[in-house]
Full PDB file with SEQRES, HELIX, SHEET, SSBOND, CRYST1, ORIGX, SCALE, CONECT and MASTER records, all heavy atoms in Angstrom:
SEQRES   1 A   37  THR PHE CYS PHE LEU LEU SER PRO GLU GLU HIS ARG ASP          
SEQRES   2 A   37  GLY ASP THR TRP GLY ILE ARG LEU LEU GLU LEU VAL ASP          
SEQRES   3 A   37  GLN GLY PHE ALA PRO LYS ALA THR VAL ALA ASP                  
HELIX    1 AA1 GLY A   14  VAL A   25  1                                  12    
CRYST1    1.000    1.000    1.000  90.00  90.00  90.00 P 1           1          
ORIGX1      1.000000  0.000000  0.000000        0.00000                         
ORIGX2      0.000000  1.000000  0.000000        0.00000                         
ORIGX3      0.000000  0.000000  1.000000        0.00000                         
SCALE1      1.000000  0.000000  0.000000        0.00000                         
SCALE2      0.000000  1.000000  0.000000        0.00000                         
SCALE3      0.000000  0.000000  1.000000        0.00000                         
ATOM      1  N   THR A   1       8.004   1.748 -12.814  1.00  0.00           N  
ATOM      2  CA  THR A   1       8.087   0.229 -12.254  1.00  0.00           C  
ATOM      3  C   THR A   1       8.914   0.240 -10.974  1.00  0.00           C  
ATOM      4  O   THR A   1       9.224  -0.901 -10.558  1.00  0.00           O  
ATOM      5  CB  THR A   1       8.638  -0.696 -13.377  1.00  0.00           C  
ATOM      6  OG1 THR A   1       9.996  -0.511 -13.504  1.00  0.00           O  
ATOM      7  CG2 THR A   1       7.848  -0.665 -14.629  1.00  0.00           C  
ATOM      8  N   PHE A   2       9.052   1.256 -10.321  1.00  0.00           N  
ATOM      9  CA  PHE A   2       9.674   1.334  -8.899  1.00  0.00           C  
ATOM     10  C   PHE A   2       8.785   0.475  -7.972  1.00  0.00           C  
ATOM     11  O   PHE A   2       7.617   0.859  -7.823  1.00  0.00           O  
ATOM     12  CB  PHE A   2       9.951   2.706  -8.533  1.00  0.00           C  
ATOM     13  CG  PHE A   2      10.389   2.809  -7.112  1.00  0.00           C  
ATOM     14  CD1 PHE A   2      11.689   2.586  -6.699  1.00  0.00           C  
ATOM     15  CD2 PHE A   2       9.640   3.194  -6.131  1.00  0.00           C  
ATOM     16  CE1 PHE A   2      12.129   2.708  -5.497  1.00  0.00           C  
ATOM     17  CE2 PHE A   2      10.036   3.336  -4.788  1.00  0.00           C  
ATOM     18  CZ  PHE A   2      11.349   3.061  -4.520  1.00  0.00           C  
ATOM     19  N   CYS A   3       9.290  -0.489  -7.218  1.00  0.00           N  
ATOM     20  CA  CYS A   3       8.550  -1.181  -6.304  1.00  0.00           C  
ATOM     21  C   CYS A   3       8.584  -0.358  -4.980  1.00  0.00           C  
ATOM     22  O   CYS A   3       9.655  -0.136  -4.303  1.00  0.00           O  
ATOM     23  CB  CYS A   3       9.218  -2.478  -6.091  1.00  0.00           C  
ATOM     24  SG  CYS A   3       8.254  -3.515  -4.931  1.00  0.00           S  
ATOM     25  N   PHE A   4       7.381   0.227  -4.554  1.00  0.00           N  
ATOM     26  CA  PHE A   4       7.350   0.983  -3.357  1.00  0.00           C  
ATOM     27  C   PHE A   4       6.825   0.202  -2.160  1.00  0.00           C  
ATOM     28  O   PHE A   4       6.732   0.688  -1.081  1.00  0.00           O  
ATOM     29  CB  PHE A   4       6.581   2.231  -3.596  1.00  0.00           C  
ATOM     30  CG  PHE A   4       5.095   2.099  -4.003  1.00  0.00           C  
ATOM     31  CD1 PHE A   4       4.180   1.760  -3.061  1.00  0.00           C  
ATOM     32  CD2 PHE A   4       4.762   2.117  -5.258  1.00  0.00           C  
ATOM     33  CE1 PHE A   4       2.809   1.648  -3.392  1.00  0.00           C  
ATOM     34  CE2 PHE A   4       3.488   1.981  -5.678  1.00  0.00           C  
ATOM     35  CZ  PHE A   4       2.557   1.633  -4.726  1.00  0.00           C  
ATOM     36  N   LEU A   5       6.332  -1.046  -2.511  1.00  0.00           N  
ATOM     37  CA  LEU A   5       5.782  -1.786  -1.427  1.00  0.00           C  
ATOM     38  C   LEU A   5       6.016  -3.316  -1.633  1.00  0.00           C  
ATOM     39  O   LEU A   5       5.734  -3.735  -2.774  1.00  0.00           O  
ATOM     40  CB  LEU A   5       4.296  -1.613  -1.231  1.00  0.00           C  
ATOM     41  CG  LEU A   5       3.511  -2.557  -0.158  1.00  0.00           C  
ATOM     42  CD1 LEU A   5       4.039  -2.180   1.291  1.00  0.00           C  
ATOM     43  CD2 LEU A   5       2.006  -2.335  -0.331  1.00  0.00           C  
ATOM     44  N   LEU A   6       6.588  -4.017  -0.724  1.00  0.00           N  
ATOM     45  CA  LEU A   6       6.779  -5.437  -0.811  1.00  0.00           C  
ATOM     46  C   LEU A   6       6.808  -5.950   0.718  1.00  0.00           C  
ATOM     47  O   LEU A   6       7.808  -5.971   1.359  1.00  0.00           O  
ATOM     48  CB  LEU A   6       8.079  -5.839  -1.493  1.00  0.00           C  
ATOM     49  CG  LEU A   6       8.119  -7.311  -1.825  1.00  0.00           C  
ATOM     50  CD1 LEU A   6       6.975  -7.760  -2.645  1.00  0.00           C  
ATOM     51  CD2 LEU A   6       9.422  -7.646  -2.562  1.00  0.00           C  
ATOM     52  N   SER A   7       5.581  -6.261   1.184  1.00  0.00           N  
ATOM     53  CA  SER A   7       5.420  -6.529   2.617  1.00  0.00           C  
ATOM     54  C   SER A   7       4.959  -7.933   2.800  1.00  0.00           C  
ATOM     55  O   SER A   7       3.773  -8.270   2.458  1.00  0.00           O  
ATOM     56  CB  SER A   7       4.475  -5.467   3.139  1.00  0.00           C  
ATOM     57  OG  SER A   7       4.320  -5.656   4.531  1.00  0.00           O  
ATOM     58  N   PRO A   8       5.680  -8.807   3.557  1.00  0.00           N  
ATOM     59  CA  PRO A   8       5.199 -10.046   3.933  1.00  0.00           C  
ATOM     60  C   PRO A   8       3.983  -9.924   4.896  1.00  0.00           C  
ATOM     61  O   PRO A   8       4.101  -9.125   5.822  1.00  0.00           O  
ATOM     62  CB  PRO A   8       6.370 -10.833   4.586  1.00  0.00           C  
ATOM     63  CG  PRO A   8       7.166  -9.664   5.097  1.00  0.00           C  
ATOM     64  CD  PRO A   8       7.041  -8.489   4.157  1.00  0.00           C  
ATOM     65  N   GLU A   9       2.871 -10.578   4.597  1.00  0.00           N  
ATOM     66  CA  GLU A   9       1.652 -10.589   5.388  1.00  0.00           C  
ATOM     67  C   GLU A   9       1.060 -11.787   5.633  1.00  0.00           C  
ATOM     68  O   GLU A   9       1.018 -12.697   4.831  1.00  0.00           O  
ATOM     69  CB  GLU A   9       0.680  -9.563   4.849  1.00  0.00           C  
ATOM     70  CG  GLU A   9       1.198  -8.216   4.501  1.00  0.00           C  
ATOM     71  CD  GLU A   9       1.449  -7.213   5.817  1.00  0.00           C  
ATOM     72  OE1 GLU A   9       0.971  -7.681   6.936  1.00  0.00           O  
ATOM     73  OE2 GLU A   9       2.063  -6.305   5.700  1.00  0.00           O  
ATOM     74  N   GLU A  10       0.424 -11.999   6.814  1.00  0.00           N  
ATOM     75  CA  GLU A  10      -0.420 -13.116   7.096  1.00  0.00           C  
ATOM     76  C   GLU A  10      -1.771 -12.993   6.472  1.00  0.00           C  
ATOM     77  O   GLU A  10      -2.413 -13.967   6.130  1.00  0.00           O  
ATOM     78  CB  GLU A  10      -0.438 -13.426   8.534  1.00  0.00           C  
ATOM     79  CG  GLU A  10       0.856 -13.967   9.104  1.00  0.00           C  
ATOM     80  CD  GLU A  10       0.608 -14.374  10.649  1.00  0.00           C  
ATOM     81  OE1 GLU A  10      -0.487 -14.901  11.012  1.00  0.00           O  
ATOM     82  OE2 GLU A  10       1.568 -14.197  11.382  1.00  0.00           O  
ATOM     83  N   HIS A  11      -2.208 -11.807   6.485  1.00  0.00           N  
ATOM     84  CA  HIS A  11      -3.531 -11.478   5.991  1.00  0.00           C  
ATOM     85  C   HIS A  11      -3.527 -10.507   4.790  1.00  0.00           C  
ATOM     86  O   HIS A  11      -2.581  -9.655   4.684  1.00  0.00           O  
ATOM     87  CB  HIS A  11      -4.471 -10.797   7.041  1.00  0.00           C  
ATOM     88  CG  HIS A  11      -4.525 -11.626   8.293  1.00  0.00           C  
ATOM     89  ND1 HIS A  11      -5.386 -12.686   8.369  1.00  0.00           N  
ATOM     90  CD2 HIS A  11      -3.887 -11.672   9.469  1.00  0.00           C  
ATOM     91  CE1 HIS A  11      -5.283 -13.317   9.484  1.00  0.00           C  
ATOM     92  NE2 HIS A  11      -4.370 -12.644  10.227  1.00  0.00           N  
ATOM     93  N   ARG A  12      -4.398 -10.648   3.760  1.00  0.00           N  
ATOM     94  CA  ARG A  12      -4.505  -9.891   2.551  1.00  0.00           C  
ATOM     95  C   ARG A  12      -5.732  -9.040   2.504  1.00  0.00           C  
ATOM     96  O   ARG A  12      -6.245  -8.733   1.485  1.00  0.00           O  
ATOM     97  CB  ARG A  12      -4.206 -10.734   1.295  1.00  0.00           C  
ATOM     98  CG  ARG A  12      -2.962 -11.483   1.429  1.00  0.00           C  
ATOM     99  CD  ARG A  12      -2.745 -12.308   0.193  1.00  0.00           C  
ATOM    100  NE  ARG A  12      -3.837 -13.061  -0.320  1.00  0.00           N  
ATOM    101  CZ  ARG A  12      -4.188 -14.377   0.206  1.00  0.00           C  
ATOM    102  NH1 ARG A  12      -3.612 -14.911   1.089  1.00  0.00           N  
ATOM    103  NH2 ARG A  12      -5.265 -14.826  -0.368  1.00  0.00           N  
ATOM    104  N   ASP A  13      -6.330  -8.734   3.682  1.00  0.00           N  
ATOM    105  CA  ASP A  13      -7.644  -8.083   3.707  1.00  0.00           C  
ATOM    106  C   ASP A  13      -7.592  -6.686   3.485  1.00  0.00           C  
ATOM    107  O   ASP A  13      -6.512  -6.063   3.510  1.00  0.00           O  
ATOM    108  CB  ASP A  13      -8.365  -8.529   5.034  1.00  0.00           C  
ATOM    109  CG  ASP A  13      -7.742  -8.114   6.231  1.00  0.00           C  
ATOM    110  OD1 ASP A  13      -6.593  -7.510   6.087  1.00  0.00           O  
ATOM    111  OD2 ASP A  13      -8.163  -8.486   7.328  1.00  0.00           O  
ATOM    112  N   GLY A  14      -8.649  -5.972   3.451  1.00  0.00           N  
ATOM    113  CA  GLY A  14      -8.676  -4.633   3.379  1.00  0.00           C  
ATOM    114  C   GLY A  14      -8.048  -3.713   4.332  1.00  0.00           C  
ATOM    115  O   GLY A  14      -7.424  -2.798   4.118  1.00  0.00           O  
ATOM    116  N   ASP A  15      -8.128  -4.315   5.620  1.00  0.00           N  
ATOM    117  CA  ASP A  15      -7.677  -3.583   6.687  1.00  0.00           C  
ATOM    118  C   ASP A  15      -6.086  -3.652   6.607  1.00  0.00           C  
ATOM    119  O   ASP A  15      -5.438  -2.556   6.830  1.00  0.00           O  
ATOM    120  CB  ASP A  15      -7.985  -4.244   8.040  1.00  0.00           C  
ATOM    121  CG  ASP A  15      -9.424  -3.967   8.410  1.00  0.00           C  
ATOM    122  OD1 ASP A  15     -10.057  -3.029   7.886  1.00  0.00           O  
ATOM    123  OD2 ASP A  15     -10.024  -4.824   9.270  1.00  0.00           O  
ATOM    124  N   THR A  16      -5.552  -4.701   6.241  1.00  0.00           N  
ATOM    125  CA  THR A  16      -4.052  -4.895   6.204  1.00  0.00           C  
ATOM    126  C   THR A  16      -3.483  -3.990   4.961  1.00  0.00           C  
ATOM    127  O   THR A  16      -2.554  -3.182   5.196  1.00  0.00           O  
ATOM    128  CB  THR A  16      -3.761  -6.317   5.886  1.00  0.00           C  
ATOM    129  OG1 THR A  16      -4.229  -7.081   6.896  1.00  0.00           O  
ATOM    130  CG2 THR A  16      -2.119  -6.525   5.956  1.00  0.00           C  
ATOM    131  N   TRP A  17      -4.296  -4.008   3.838  1.00  0.00           N  
ATOM    132  CA  TRP A  17      -3.880  -3.038   2.847  1.00  0.00           C  
ATOM    133  C   TRP A  17      -3.956  -1.621   3.262  1.00  0.00           C  
ATOM    134  O   TRP A  17      -2.952  -0.909   2.935  1.00  0.00           O  
ATOM    135  CB  TRP A  17      -4.800  -3.336   1.615  1.00  0.00           C  
ATOM    136  CG  TRP A  17      -4.320  -4.244   0.604  1.00  0.00           C  
ATOM    137  CD1 TRP A  17      -4.827  -5.592   0.450  1.00  0.00           C  
ATOM    138  CD2 TRP A  17      -3.202  -4.243  -0.286  1.00  0.00           C  
ATOM    139  NE1 TRP A  17      -4.220  -6.192  -0.485  1.00  0.00           N  
ATOM    140  CE2 TRP A  17      -3.155  -5.435  -1.070  1.00  0.00           C  
ATOM    141  CE3 TRP A  17      -2.314  -3.241  -0.647  1.00  0.00           C  
ATOM    142  CZ2 TRP A  17      -2.388  -5.743  -1.995  1.00  0.00           C  
ATOM    143  CZ3 TRP A  17      -1.441  -3.486  -1.673  1.00  0.00           C  
ATOM    144  CH2 TRP A  17      -1.321  -4.652  -2.277  1.00  0.00           C  
ATOM    145  N   GLY A  18      -5.001  -1.377   3.906  1.00  0.00           N  
ATOM    146  CA  GLY A  18      -5.108   0.034   4.385  1.00  0.00           C  
ATOM    147  C   GLY A  18      -4.114   0.521   5.304  1.00  0.00           C  
ATOM    148  O   GLY A  18      -3.508   1.643   5.094  1.00  0.00           O  
ATOM    149  N   ILE A  19      -3.609  -0.240   6.219  1.00  0.00           N  
ATOM    150  CA  ILE A  19      -2.506   0.069   7.197  1.00  0.00           C  
ATOM    151  C   ILE A  19      -1.296   0.160   6.260  1.00  0.00           C  
ATOM    152  O   ILE A  19      -0.548   1.287   6.573  1.00  0.00           O  
ATOM    153  CB  ILE A  19      -2.392  -1.069   8.152  1.00  0.00           C  
ATOM    154  CG1 ILE A  19      -3.588  -1.068   9.244  1.00  0.00           C  
ATOM    155  CG2 ILE A  19      -1.111  -0.880   8.976  1.00  0.00           C  
ATOM    156  CD1 ILE A  19      -3.697  -2.261  10.053  1.00  0.00           C  
ATOM    157  N   ARG A  20      -0.925  -0.706   5.534  1.00  0.00           N  
ATOM    158  CA  ARG A  20       0.342  -0.560   4.702  1.00  0.00           C  
ATOM    159  C   ARG A  20       0.313   0.759   3.884  1.00  0.00           C  
ATOM    160  O   ARG A  20       1.296   1.388   3.840  1.00  0.00           O  
ATOM    161  CB  ARG A  20       0.601  -1.880   3.965  1.00  0.00           C  
ATOM    162  CG  ARG A  20       0.836  -2.994   4.651  1.00  0.00           C  
ATOM    163  CD  ARG A  20       1.951  -2.921   5.571  1.00  0.00           C  
ATOM    164  NE  ARG A  20       1.951  -4.023   6.603  1.00  0.00           N  
ATOM    165  CZ  ARG A  20       1.851  -3.791   7.917  1.00  0.00           C  
ATOM    166  NH1 ARG A  20       1.722  -2.633   8.313  1.00  0.00           N  
ATOM    167  NH2 ARG A  20       1.860  -4.873   8.666  1.00  0.00           N  
ATOM    168  N   LEU A  21      -0.873   0.944   3.137  1.00  0.00           N  
ATOM    169  CA  LEU A  21      -0.890   2.225   2.358  1.00  0.00           C  
ATOM    170  C   LEU A  21      -0.894   3.472   3.201  1.00  0.00           C  
ATOM    171  O   LEU A  21      -0.246   4.382   2.735  1.00  0.00           O  
ATOM    172  CB  LEU A  21      -2.014   2.180   1.446  1.00  0.00           C  
ATOM    173  CG  LEU A  21      -1.997   0.985   0.345  1.00  0.00           C  
ATOM    174  CD1 LEU A  21      -3.375   1.000  -0.361  1.00  0.00           C  
ATOM    175  CD2 LEU A  21      -0.951   1.144  -0.543  1.00  0.00           C  
ATOM    176  N   LEU A  22      -1.462   3.459   4.310  1.00  0.00           N  
ATOM    177  CA  LEU A  22      -1.378   4.643   5.162  1.00  0.00           C  
ATOM    178  C   LEU A  22      -0.007   4.899   5.647  1.00  0.00           C  
ATOM    179  O   LEU A  22       0.529   6.080   5.793  1.00  0.00           O  
ATOM    180  CB  LEU A  22      -2.309   4.580   6.348  1.00  0.00           C  
ATOM    181  CG  LEU A  22      -3.868   4.769   5.982  1.00  0.00           C  
ATOM    182  CD1 LEU A  22      -4.680   4.468   7.209  1.00  0.00           C  
ATOM    183  CD2 LEU A  22      -4.049   6.197   5.550  1.00  0.00           C  
ATOM    184  N   GLU A  23       0.730   3.787   5.904  1.00  0.00           N  
ATOM    185  CA  GLU A  23       2.204   4.005   6.399  1.00  0.00           C  
ATOM    186  C   GLU A  23       3.053   4.653   5.259  1.00  0.00           C  
ATOM    187  O   GLU A  23       3.948   5.495   5.549  1.00  0.00           O  
ATOM    188  CB  GLU A  23       2.837   2.653   6.642  1.00  0.00           C  
ATOM    189  CG  GLU A  23       2.266   2.019   7.942  1.00  0.00           C  
ATOM    190  CD  GLU A  23       2.643   0.573   8.125  1.00  0.00           C  
ATOM    191  OE1 GLU A  23       3.194  -0.065   7.177  1.00  0.00           O  
ATOM    192  OE2 GLU A  23       2.448   0.129   9.301  1.00  0.00           O  
ATOM    193  N   LEU A  24       2.637   4.442   3.946  1.00  0.00           N  
ATOM    194  CA  LEU A  24       3.428   5.038   2.975  1.00  0.00           C  
ATOM    195  C   LEU A  24       3.139   6.549   2.770  1.00  0.00           C  
ATOM    196  O   LEU A  24       3.919   7.367   2.137  1.00  0.00           O  
ATOM    197  CB  LEU A  24       3.015   4.386   1.560  1.00  0.00           C  
ATOM    198  CG  LEU A  24       3.442   2.886   1.521  1.00  0.00           C  
ATOM    199  CD1 LEU A  24       3.003   2.263   0.259  1.00  0.00           C  
ATOM    200  CD2 LEU A  24       4.957   2.774   1.704  1.00  0.00           C  
ATOM    201  N   VAL A  25       2.018   7.046   3.311  1.00  0.00           N  
ATOM    202  CA  VAL A  25       1.652   8.437   3.194  1.00  0.00           C  
ATOM    203  C   VAL A  25       2.776   9.285   3.860  1.00  0.00           C  
ATOM    204  O   VAL A  25       3.057  10.365   3.413  1.00  0.00           O  
ATOM    205  CB  VAL A  25       0.307   8.747   3.944  1.00  0.00           C  
ATOM    206  CG1 VAL A  25      -0.052  10.199   4.073  1.00  0.00           C  
ATOM    207  CG2 VAL A  25      -0.799   8.034   3.013  1.00  0.00           C  
ATOM    208  N   ASP A  26       3.431   8.819   4.938  1.00  0.00           N  
ATOM    209  CA  ASP A  26       4.428   9.517   5.634  1.00  0.00           C  
ATOM    210  C   ASP A  26       5.612   9.717   4.660  1.00  0.00           C  
ATOM    211  O   ASP A  26       6.471  10.734   4.858  1.00  0.00           O  
ATOM    212  CB  ASP A  26       4.855   8.757   6.779  1.00  0.00           C  
ATOM    213  CG  ASP A  26       3.960   8.798   7.932  1.00  0.00           C  
ATOM    214  OD1 ASP A  26       3.142   9.623   8.004  1.00  0.00           O  
ATOM    215  OD2 ASP A  26       4.097   7.840   8.755  1.00  0.00           O  
ATOM    216  N   GLN A  27       5.750   9.045   3.563  1.00  0.00           N  
ATOM    217  CA  GLN A  27       6.690   9.141   2.572  1.00  0.00           C  
ATOM    218  C   GLN A  27       6.271   9.976   1.362  1.00  0.00           C  
ATOM    219  O   GLN A  27       6.897  10.007   0.375  1.00  0.00           O  
ATOM    220  CB  GLN A  27       7.373   7.803   2.119  1.00  0.00           C  
ATOM    221  CG  GLN A  27       8.152   7.024   3.187  1.00  0.00           C  
ATOM    222  CD  GLN A  27       8.563   5.738   2.663  1.00  0.00           C  
ATOM    223  OE1 GLN A  27       7.996   4.741   3.217  1.00  0.00           O  
ATOM    224  NE2 GLN A  27       9.511   5.700   1.754  1.00  0.00           N  
ATOM    225  N   GLY A  28       5.085  10.546   1.464  1.00  0.00           N  
ATOM    226  CA  GLY A  28       4.581  11.323   0.349  1.00  0.00           C  
ATOM    227  C   GLY A  28       3.643  10.579  -0.517  1.00  0.00           C  
ATOM    228  O   GLY A  28       3.182  11.136  -1.629  1.00  0.00           O  
ATOM    229  N   PHE A  29       3.318   9.334  -0.183  1.00  0.00           N  
ATOM    230  CA  PHE A  29       2.409   8.605  -1.148  1.00  0.00           C  
ATOM    231  C   PHE A  29       1.051   9.167  -1.146  1.00  0.00           C  
ATOM    232  O   PHE A  29       0.299   9.217  -0.159  1.00  0.00           O  
ATOM    233  CB  PHE A  29       2.391   7.084  -0.687  1.00  0.00           C  
ATOM    234  CG  PHE A  29       1.607   6.288  -1.640  1.00  0.00           C  
ATOM    235  CD1 PHE A  29       2.184   5.880  -2.893  1.00  0.00           C  
ATOM    236  CD2 PHE A  29       0.423   5.617  -1.205  1.00  0.00           C  
ATOM    237  CE1 PHE A  29       1.437   5.031  -3.729  1.00  0.00           C  
ATOM    238  CE2 PHE A  29      -0.246   4.785  -2.084  1.00  0.00           C  
ATOM    239  CZ  PHE A  29       0.217   4.403  -3.355  1.00  0.00           C  
ATOM    240  N   ALA A  30       0.710   9.698  -2.315  1.00  0.00           N  
ATOM    241  CA  ALA A  30      -0.613  10.256  -2.634  1.00  0.00           C  
ATOM    242  C   ALA A  30      -0.991  10.294  -4.041  1.00  0.00           C  
ATOM    243  O   ALA A  30      -1.142  11.266  -4.734  1.00  0.00           O  
ATOM    244  CB  ALA A  30      -0.678  11.777  -2.032  1.00  0.00           C  
ATOM    245  N   PRO A  31      -1.118   9.014  -4.570  1.00  0.00           N  
ATOM    246  CA  PRO A  31      -1.306   8.927  -5.998  1.00  0.00           C  
ATOM    247  C   PRO A  31      -2.689   9.431  -6.391  1.00  0.00           C  
ATOM    248  O   PRO A  31      -3.625   9.591  -5.620  1.00  0.00           O  
ATOM    249  CB  PRO A  31      -1.241   7.445  -6.263  1.00  0.00           C  
ATOM    250  CG  PRO A  31      -1.730   6.835  -4.944  1.00  0.00           C  
ATOM    251  CD  PRO A  31      -1.164   7.779  -3.958  1.00  0.00           C  
ATOM    252  N   LYS A  32      -2.811   9.831  -7.722  1.00  0.00           N  
ATOM    253  CA  LYS A  32      -4.042  10.227  -8.219  1.00  0.00           C  
ATOM    254  C   LYS A  32      -4.914   9.069  -8.472  1.00  0.00           C  
ATOM    255  O   LYS A  32      -6.222   9.173  -8.350  1.00  0.00           O  
ATOM    256  CB  LYS A  32      -3.874  10.926  -9.639  1.00  0.00           C  
ATOM    257  CG  LYS A  32      -3.106  12.240  -9.541  1.00  0.00           C  
ATOM    258  CD  LYS A  32      -3.078  12.972 -10.887  1.00  0.00           C  
ATOM    259  CE  LYS A  32      -2.253  14.161 -10.689  1.00  0.00           C  
ATOM    260  NZ  LYS A  32      -2.618  15.110 -11.765  1.00  0.00           N  
ATOM    261  N   ALA A  33      -4.360   7.841  -8.691  1.00  0.00           N  
ATOM    262  CA  ALA A  33      -5.238   6.547  -8.797  1.00  0.00           C  
ATOM    263  C   ALA A  33      -4.313   5.423  -8.400  1.00  0.00           C  
ATOM    264  O   ALA A  33      -3.067   5.512  -8.351  1.00  0.00           O  
ATOM    265  CB  ALA A  33      -5.702   6.473 -10.183  1.00  0.00           C  
ATOM    266  N   THR A  34      -5.034   4.433  -8.024  1.00  0.00           N  
ATOM    267  CA  THR A  34      -4.322   3.103  -7.847  1.00  0.00           C  
ATOM    268  C   THR A  34      -5.168   2.105  -8.595  1.00  0.00           C  
ATOM    269  O   THR A  34      -6.374   2.263  -8.813  1.00  0.00           O  
ATOM    270  CB  THR A  34      -4.326   2.636  -6.290  1.00  0.00           C  
ATOM    271  OG1 THR A  34      -5.759   2.630  -5.743  1.00  0.00           O  
ATOM    272  CG2 THR A  34      -3.437   3.483  -5.425  1.00  0.00           C  
ATOM    273  N   VAL A  35      -4.457   1.188  -9.028  1.00  0.00           N  
ATOM    274  CA  VAL A  35      -5.077   0.009  -9.803  1.00  0.00           C  
ATOM    275  C   VAL A  35      -4.810  -1.341  -9.139  1.00  0.00           C  
ATOM    276  O   VAL A  35      -3.741  -1.677  -8.849  1.00  0.00           O  
ATOM    277  CB  VAL A  35      -4.548  -0.127 -11.141  1.00  0.00           C  
ATOM    278  CG1 VAL A  35      -5.169  -1.148 -12.073  1.00  0.00           C  
ATOM    279  CG2 VAL A  35      -4.782   1.287 -12.027  1.00  0.00           C  
ATOM    280  N   ALA A  36      -5.979  -2.074  -8.888  1.00  0.00           N  
ATOM    281  CA  ALA A  36      -5.888  -3.358  -8.245  1.00  0.00           C  
ATOM    282  C   ALA A  36      -6.778  -4.293  -8.939  1.00  0.00           C  
ATOM    283  O   ALA A  36      -7.898  -3.818  -9.267  1.00  0.00           O  
ATOM    284  CB  ALA A  36      -6.052  -3.225  -6.693  1.00  0.00           C  
ATOM    285  N   ASP A  37      -6.531  -5.546  -8.983  1.00  0.00           N  
ATOM    286  CA  ASP A  37      -7.473  -6.448  -9.586  1.00  0.00           C  
ATOM    287  C   ASP A  37      -8.570  -7.013  -8.833  1.00  0.00           C  
ATOM    288  O   ASP A  37      -9.600  -7.536  -9.337  1.00  0.00           O  
ATOM    289  CB  ASP A  37      -6.637  -7.569 -10.325  1.00  0.00           C  
ATOM    290  CG  ASP A  37      -6.008  -8.427  -9.321  1.00  0.00           C  
ATOM    291  OD1 ASP A  37      -6.219  -8.439  -8.111  1.00  0.00           O  
ATOM    292  OD2 ASP A  37      -5.204  -9.371  -9.680  1.00  0.00           O  
TER     293      ASP A  37                                                      
MASTER        0    0    0    1    0    0    0    6  292    1    0    3          
END                                                                             
């Protein structure tokens, strides 16, 4: 339940999500799966 992302955003589209998740790759973020509704 560690919160690894909490980012205020004006947009919630796929591009914004993609940018934020790619930024986490530099910290080793490479999950086997992600779950989103």
